[in-house]
C-alpha atoms as a PDB file:
ATOM      1  CA  UNK A   1     -63.811 -16.412 -15.621  1.00  0.00           C
ATOM      2  CA  UNK A   2     -65.115 -20.131 -16.452  1.00  0.00           C
ATOM      3  CA  UNK A   3     -63.344 -22.993 -17.827  1.00  0.00           C
ATOM      4  CA  UNK A   4     -64.605 -25.287 -20.705  1.00  0.00           C
ATOM      5  CA  UNK A   5     -66.032 -27.787 -17.622  1.00  0.00           C
ATOM      6  CA  UNK A   6     -67.678 -24.851 -15.847  1.00  0.00           C
ATOM      7  CA  UNK A   7     -64.921 -24.530 -13.176  1.00  0.00           C
ATOM      8  CA  UNK A   8     -63.529 -21.265 -12.290  1.00  0.00           C
ATOM      9  CA  UNK A   9     -59.933 -20.249 -12.100  1.00  0.00           C
ATOM     10  CA  UNK A  10     -60.534 -19.486  -8.354  1.00  0.00           C
ATOM     11  CA  UNK A  11     -61.543 -23.192  -8.200  1.00  0.00           C
ATOM     12  CA  UNK A  12     -59.051 -24.422 -10.232  1.00  0.00           C
ATOM     13  CA  UNK A  13     -56.464 -22.938  -7.905  1.00  0.00           C
ATOM     14  CA  UNK A  14     -57.954 -24.411  -4.459  1.00  0.00           C
ATOM     15  CA  UNK A  15     -59.975 -21.156  -3.618  1.00  0.00           C
ATOM     16  CA  UNK A  16     -58.305 -18.585  -1.459  1.00  0.00           C
ATOM     17  CA  UNK A  17     -55.811 -20.847   0.172  1.00  0.00           C
ATOM     18  CA  UNK A  18     -54.538 -22.055  -3.510  1.00  0.00           C
ATOM     19  CA  UNK A  19     -54.346 -18.677  -4.713  1.00  0.00           C
ATOM     20  CA  UNK A  20     -52.314 -17.533  -1.531  1.00  0.00           C
ATOM     21  CA  UNK A  21     -50.467 -20.713  -2.062  1.00  0.00           C
ATOM     22  CA  UNK A  22     -49.787 -20.123  -5.892  1.00  0.00           C
ATOM     23  CA  UNK A  23     -48.991 -16.408  -5.026  1.00  0.00           C
ATOM     24  CA  UNK A  24     -46.538 -17.416  -2.439  1.00  0.00           C
ATOM     25  CA  UNK A  25     -44.875 -19.920  -4.742  1.00  0.00           C
ATOM     26  CA  UNK A  26     -44.637 -17.033  -7.518  1.00  0.00           C
ATOM     27  CA  UNK A  27     -43.078 -14.884  -4.819  1.00  0.00           C
ATOM     28  CA  UNK A  28     -40.575 -17.231  -3.790  1.00  0.00           C
ATOM     29  CA  UNK A  29     -39.635 -17.842  -7.507  1.00  0.00           C
ATOM     30  CA  UNK A  30     -39.438 -14.295  -7.781  1.00  0.00           C
ATOM     31  CA  UNK A  31     -37.499 -13.830  -4.521  1.00  0.00           C
ATOM     32  CA  UNK A  32     -35.221 -16.912  -5.422  1.00  0.00           C
ATOM     33  CA  UNK A  33     -34.430 -15.291  -9.023  1.00  0.00           C
ATOM     34  CA  UNK A  34     -33.721 -11.844  -7.481  1.00  0.00           C
ATOM     35  CA  UNK A  35     -31.172 -13.685  -4.838  1.00  0.00           C
ATOM     36  CA  UNK A  36     -29.770 -15.536  -7.883  1.00  0.00           C
ATOM     37  CA  UNK A  37     -29.332 -12.220  -9.689  1.00  0.00           C
ATOM     38  CA  UNK A  38     -27.669 -10.476  -6.493  1.00  0.00           C
ATOM     39  CA  UNK A  39     -25.400 -13.298  -6.160  1.00  0.00           C
ATOM     40  CA  UNK A  40     -24.454 -13.214  -9.657  1.00  0.00           C
ATOM     41  CA  UNK A  41     -24.054  -9.388  -9.550  1.00  0.00           C
ATOM     42  CA  UNK A  42     -21.785  -9.836  -6.266  1.00  0.00           C
ATOM     43  CA  UNK A  43     -19.933 -12.531  -7.762  1.00  0.00           C
ATOM     44  CA  UNK A  44     -19.268  -9.925 -10.885  1.00  0.00           C
ATOM     45  CA  UNK A  45     -18.493  -7.013  -8.583  1.00  0.00           C
ATOM     46  CA  UNK A  46     -16.187  -9.186  -6.680  1.00  0.00           C
ATOM     47  CA  UNK A  47     -14.283 -10.292  -9.811  1.00  0.00           C
ATOM     48  CA  UNK A  48     -13.949  -6.715 -10.932  1.00  0.00           C
ATOM     49  CA  UNK A  49     -12.857  -5.555  -7.508  1.00  0.00           C
ATOM     50  CA  UNK A  50     -10.134  -8.428  -7.595  1.00  0.00           C
ATOM     51  CA  UNK A  51      -9.280  -7.503 -10.866  1.00  0.00           C
ATOM     52  CA  UNK A  52      -8.902  -3.594 -10.092  1.00  0.00           C
ATOM     53  CA  UNK A  53      -6.860  -4.662  -6.966  1.00  0.00           C
ATOM     54  CA  UNK A  54      -4.547  -6.854  -8.851  1.00  0.00           C
ATOM     55  CA  UNK A  55      -4.116  -4.561 -11.369  1.00  0.00           C
ATOM     56  CA  UNK A  56      -3.526  -1.696  -8.975  1.00  0.00           C
ATOM     57  CA  UNK A  57      -0.865  -3.931  -7.270  1.00  0.00           C
ATOM     58  CA  UNK A  58       0.848  -4.809 -10.603  1.00  0.00           C
ATOM     59  CA  UNK A  59       0.973  -0.949 -11.498  1.00  0.00           C
ATOM     60  CA  UNK A  60       2.362  -0.308  -8.020  1.00  0.00           C
ATOM     61  CA  UNK A  61       4.830  -3.062  -8.476  1.00  0.00           C
ATOM     62  CA  UNK A  62       5.899  -2.011 -11.884  1.00  0.00           C
ATOM     63  CA  UNK A  63       6.095   1.692 -10.508  1.00  0.00           C
ATOM     64  CA  UNK A  64       8.588   0.516  -7.940  1.00  0.00           C
ATOM     65  CA  UNK A  65      10.369  -1.665 -10.413  1.00  0.00           C
ATOM     66  CA  UNK A  66      10.691   1.668 -12.644  1.00  0.00           C
ATOM     67  CA  UNK A  67      12.082   3.717  -9.744  1.00  0.00           C
ATOM     68  CA  UNK A  68      14.863   1.038  -8.816  1.00  0.00           C
ATOM     69  CA  UNK A  69      15.696   0.952 -12.765  1.00  0.00           C
ATOM     70  CA  UNK A  70      15.719   4.674 -12.574  1.00  0.00           C
ATOM     71  CA  UNK A  71      18.091   4.879  -9.515  1.00  0.00           C
ATOM     72  CA  UNK A  72      20.404   2.209 -11.182  1.00  0.00           C
ATOM     73  CA  UNK A  73      20.291   3.979 -14.395  1.00  0.00           C
ATOM     74  CA  UNK A  74      21.336   7.340 -12.606  1.00  0.00           C
ATOM     75  CA  UNK A  75      24.140   5.480 -10.592  1.00  0.00           C
ATOM     76  CA  UNK A  76      25.423   4.184 -13.545  1.00  0.00           C
ATOM     77  CA  UNK A  77      25.260   7.531 -15.250  1.00  0.00           C
ATOM     78  CA  UNK A  78      27.025   8.773 -12.153  1.00  0.00           C
ATOM     79  CA  UNK A  79      29.624   6.478 -12.338  1.00  0.00           C
ATOM     80  CA  UNK A  80      30.041   6.646 -16.307  1.00  0.00           C
ATOM     81  CA  UNK A  81      30.147  10.505 -15.592  1.00  0.00           C
ATOM     82  CA  UNK A  82      32.864  10.076 -13.112  1.00  0.00           C
ATOM     83  CA  UNK A  83      34.744   7.555 -15.262  1.00  0.00           C
ATOM     84  CA  UNK A  84      34.856   9.977 -17.814  1.00  0.00           C
ATOM     85  CA  UNK A  85      36.171  12.585 -15.474  1.00  0.00           C
ATOM     86  CA  UNK A  86      38.827  10.237 -14.204  1.00  0.00           C
ATOM     87  CA  UNK A  87      39.806   9.256 -17.688  1.00  0.00           C
ATOM     88  CA  UNK A  88      39.994  13.039 -18.522  1.00  0.00           C
ATOM     89  CA  UNK A  89      42.471  13.476 -15.637  1.00  0.00           C
ATOM     90  CA  UNK A  90      44.345  10.439 -16.363  1.00  0.00           C
ATOM     91  CA  UNK A  91      44.614  11.609 -20.032  1.00  0.00           C
ATOM     92  CA  UNK A  92      45.639  15.055 -18.761  1.00  0.00           C
ATOM     93  CA  UNK A  93      48.427  13.616 -16.382  1.00  0.00           C
ATOM     94  CA  UNK A  94      49.583  11.310 -19.627  1.00  0.00           C
ATOM     95  CA  UNK A  95      49.963  14.388 -21.647  1.00  0.00           C
ATOM     96  CA  UNK A  96      51.699  16.299 -18.958  1.00  0.00           C
ATOM     97  CA  UNK A  97      54.032  13.326 -18.557  1.00  0.00           C
ATOM     98  CA  UNK A  98      54.614  12.480 -22.292  1.00  0.00           C
ATOM     99  CA  UNK A  99      55.697  16.317 -22.707  1.00  0.00           C
ATOM    100  CA  UNK A 100      57.898  16.247 -19.670  1.00  0.00           C
ATOM    101  CA  UNK A 101      59.297  13.117 -21.297  1.00  0.00           C
ATOM    102  CA  UNK A 102      59.631  14.584 -24.997  1.00  0.00           C
ATOM    103  CA  UNK A 103      61.179  17.566 -23.486  1.00  0.00           C
ATOM    104  CA  UNK A 104      63.758  15.490 -21.635  1.00  0.00           C
ATOM    105  CA  UNK A 105      64.303  13.064 -25.104  1.00  0.00           C
ATOM    106  CA  UNK A 106      64.630  16.298 -27.138  1.00  0.00           C
ATOM    107  CA  UNK A 107      67.092  17.672 -24.433  1.00  0.00           C
ATOM    108  CA  UNK A 108      68.878  14.572 -24.330  1.00  0.00           C
ATOM    109  CA  UNK A 109      69.054  14.069 -28.177  1.00  0.00           C
ATOM    110  CA  UNK A 110      70.157  17.700 -28.743  1.00  0.00           C
ATOM    111  CA  UNK A 111      73.089  17.156 -26.061  1.00  0.00           C
ATOM    112  CA  UNK A 112      73.884  13.910 -27.698  1.00  0.00           C
ATOM    113  CA  UNK A 113      74.280  15.288 -31.042  1.00  0.00           C
ATOM    114  CA  UNK A 114      76.026  18.492 -29.526  1.00  0.00           C
ATOM    115  CA  UNK A 115      78.351  15.970 -27.566  1.00  0.00           C
ATOM    116  CA  UNK A 116      78.844  13.881 -30.837  1.00  0.00           C
ATOM    117  CA  UNK A 117      79.678  16.896 -32.909  1.00  0.00           C
ATOM    118  CA  UNK A 118      82.116  18.403 -30.488  1.00  0.00           C
ATOM    119  CA  UNK A 119      83.777  14.827 -30.261  1.00  0.00           C
ATOM    120  CA  UNK A 120      83.558  14.538 -34.061  1.00  0.00           C
ATOM    121  CA  UNK A 121      84.957  17.952 -34.575  1.00  0.00           C
ATOM    122  CA  UNK A 122      87.963  17.019 -32.103  1.00  0.00           C
ATOM    123  CA  UNK A 123      88.596  13.839 -34.083  1.00  0.00           C
ATOM    124  CA  UNK A 124      88.394  15.620 -37.302  1.00  0.00           C
ATOM    125  CA  UNK A 125      90.721  18.168 -35.596  1.00  0.00           C
ATOM    126  CA  UNK A 126      93.283  15.606 -34.388  1.00  0.00           C
ATOM    127  CA  UNK A 127      93.311  13.845 -37.535  1.00  0.00           C
ATOM    128  CA  UNK A 128      94.020  16.826 -39.615  1.00  0.00           C
ATOM    129  CA  UNK A 129      97.154  17.650 -37.183  1.00  0.00           C
END
């Protein structure tokens, strides 16, 4: 291929050595571009791997916190159940004690009224005499 001044491309590139140098320069540019792309891809892969690892760590930590909360809730529920049982037992004890007191009170009241009636009856009888 001739240029306007009559030189060929081969002559413009400096002959065989010039063509080899040009090819080597192009190859170097291509290799450098490929290496740059590879480094960028590695950076992106590294970023996503670190992100995935951080996400996994976060999920693991959250799962651990969830298990701790579930154990805490379970302990509170057990304590609550025990408290309810204790309360039911105490309420039963109170009712039993109240019934016993009520019985004694009613018995005392009945005896007191009977005694008072007897006493009043005696007074009434003595007043009549």
